[in-house]
Amino acid sequence: MPPPATPPDVVLRPEPGLARGLWEASPSTLYAAVGALLLAALLYLALRLRGRVRPSPPAPPGRP
């Protein structure tokens, strides 16, 4: 015999705001954080490559 049918649970989500939680942010905040992370990574990469690329020293005089 199958179990008796039960009504589905109803979950009510609170309205947007502090009632949802202190750390909930808008999607634009995520995009800003990803952009800042990308900018920091590119800056780091540029500084690392700048230190690695150096001009070759001039040839000593008197040698062909």
C-alpha atoms as a PDB file:
ATOM      1  CA  MET A   1       0.000   0.000   0.000  1.00  0.00           C
ATOM      2  CA  PRO A   2       1.523   3.412  -0.993  1.00  0.00           C
ATOM      3  CA  PRO A   3       2.017   6.048   1.696  1.00  0.00           C
ATOM      4  CA  PRO A   4      -0.705   8.668   1.993  1.00  0.00           C
ATOM      5  CA  ALA A   5      -0.246  11.766  -0.169  1.00  0.00           C
ATOM      6  CA  THR A   6       1.076  14.780   1.690  1.00  0.00           C
ATOM      7  CA  PRO A   7       0.709  18.368   0.560  1.00  0.00           C
ATOM      8  CA  PRO A   8       3.919  19.916  -0.835  1.00  0.00           C
ATOM      9  CA  ASP A   9       5.969  22.082   1.469  1.00  0.00           C
ATOM     10  CA  VAL A  10       5.720  25.789   0.795  1.00  0.00           C
ATOM     11  CA  VAL A  11       8.906  27.787   1.318  1.00  0.00           C
ATOM     12  CA  LEU A  12       8.605  31.543   1.635  1.00  0.00           C
ATOM     13  CA  ARG A  13      11.689  33.571   0.837  1.00  0.00           C
ATOM     14  CA  PRO A  14      11.994  36.938   2.563  1.00  0.00           C
ATOM     15  CA  GLU A  15      12.005  40.175   0.611  1.00  0.00           C
ATOM     16  CA  PRO A  16      15.396  41.527  -0.558  1.00  0.00           C
ATOM     17  CA  GLY A  17      17.330  43.388   2.086  1.00  0.00           C
ATOM     18  CA  LEU A  18      19.075  42.640   5.355  1.00  0.00           C
ATOM     19  CA  ALA A  19      16.447  40.026   6.189  1.00  0.00           C
ATOM     20  CA  ARG A  20      18.053  37.742   3.585  1.00  0.00           C
ATOM     21  CA  GLY A  21      21.478  37.944   5.139  1.00  0.00           C
ATOM     22  CA  LEU A  22      24.336  40.320   5.705  1.00  0.00           C
ATOM     23  CA  TRP A  23      26.552  38.896   2.923  1.00  0.00           C
ATOM     24  CA  GLU A  24      24.063  38.794   0.071  1.00  0.00           C
ATOM     25  CA  ALA A  25      25.076  41.216  -2.668  1.00  0.00           C
ATOM     26  CA  SER A  26      23.826  42.247  -6.081  1.00  0.00           C
ATOM     27  CA  PRO A  27      25.211  40.653  -9.273  1.00  0.00           C
ATOM     28  CA  SER A  28      27.052  43.884 -10.127  1.00  0.00           C
ATOM     29  CA  THR A  29      29.155  43.403  -6.990  1.00  0.00           C
ATOM     30  CA  LEU A  30      30.306  40.042  -8.319  1.00  0.00           C
ATOM     31  CA  TYR A  31      31.245  41.591 -11.672  1.00  0.00           C
ATOM     32  CA  ALA A  32      33.174  44.369  -9.918  1.00  0.00           C
ATOM     33  CA  ALA A  33      35.087  41.846  -7.790  1.00  0.00           C
ATOM     34  CA  VAL A  34      35.963  39.697 -10.821  1.00  0.00           C
ATOM     35  CA  GLY A  35      37.088  42.821 -12.706  1.00  0.00           C
ATOM     36  CA  ALA A  36      39.290  43.929  -9.814  1.00  0.00           C
ATOM     37  CA  LEU A  37      40.816  40.458  -9.587  1.00  0.00           C
ATOM     38  CA  LEU A  38      41.514  40.407 -13.328  1.00  0.00           C
ATOM     39  CA  LEU A  39      43.094  43.873 -13.190  1.00  0.00           C
ATOM     40  CA  ALA A  40      45.309  42.857 -10.266  1.00  0.00           C
ATOM     41  CA  ALA A  41      46.407  39.678 -12.076  1.00  0.00           C
ATOM     42  CA  LEU A  42      47.288  41.609 -15.241  1.00  0.00           C
ATOM     43  CA  LEU A  43      49.235  44.196 -13.244  1.00  0.00           C
ATOM     44  CA  TYR A  44      51.144  41.437 -11.456  1.00  0.00           C
ATOM     45  CA  LEU A  45      51.918  39.722 -14.759  1.00  0.00           C
ATOM     46  CA  ALA A  46      53.112  42.998 -16.320  1.00  0.00           C
ATOM     47  CA  LEU A  47      55.432  43.682 -13.386  1.00  0.00           C
ATOM     48  CA  ARG A  48      56.839  40.156 -13.507  1.00  0.00           C
ATOM     49  CA  LEU A  49      57.505  40.379 -17.255  1.00  0.00           C
ATOM     50  CA  ARG A  50      59.035  43.849 -16.922  1.00  0.00           C
ATOM     51  CA  GLY A  51      61.684  42.509 -14.546  1.00  0.00           C
ATOM     52  CA  ARG A  52      62.454  39.574 -16.828  1.00  0.00           C
ATOM     53  CA  VAL A  53      63.009  41.433 -20.122  1.00  0.00           C
ATOM     54  CA  ARG A  54      66.413  43.136 -20.185  1.00  0.00           C
ATOM     55  CA  PRO A  55      68.476  44.406 -23.087  1.00  0.00           C
ATOM     56  CA  SER A  56      71.564  42.376 -23.965  1.00  0.00           C
ATOM     57  CA  PRO A  57      74.866  43.912 -22.828  1.00  0.00           C
ATOM     58  CA  PRO A  58      77.003  45.614 -25.488  1.00  0.00           C
ATOM     59  CA  ALA A  59      79.822  43.606 -27.069  1.00  0.00           C
ATOM     60  CA  PRO A  60      83.245  44.245 -25.503  1.00  0.00           C
ATOM     61  CA  PRO A  61      85.498  46.530 -27.595  1.00  0.00           C
ATOM     62  CA  GLY A  62      88.274  44.988 -29.693  1.00  0.00           C
ATOM     63  CA  ARG A  63      86.544  41.687 -30.422  1.00  0.00           C
ATOM     64  CA  PRO A  64      84.847  40.967 -33.741  1.00  0.00           C
END
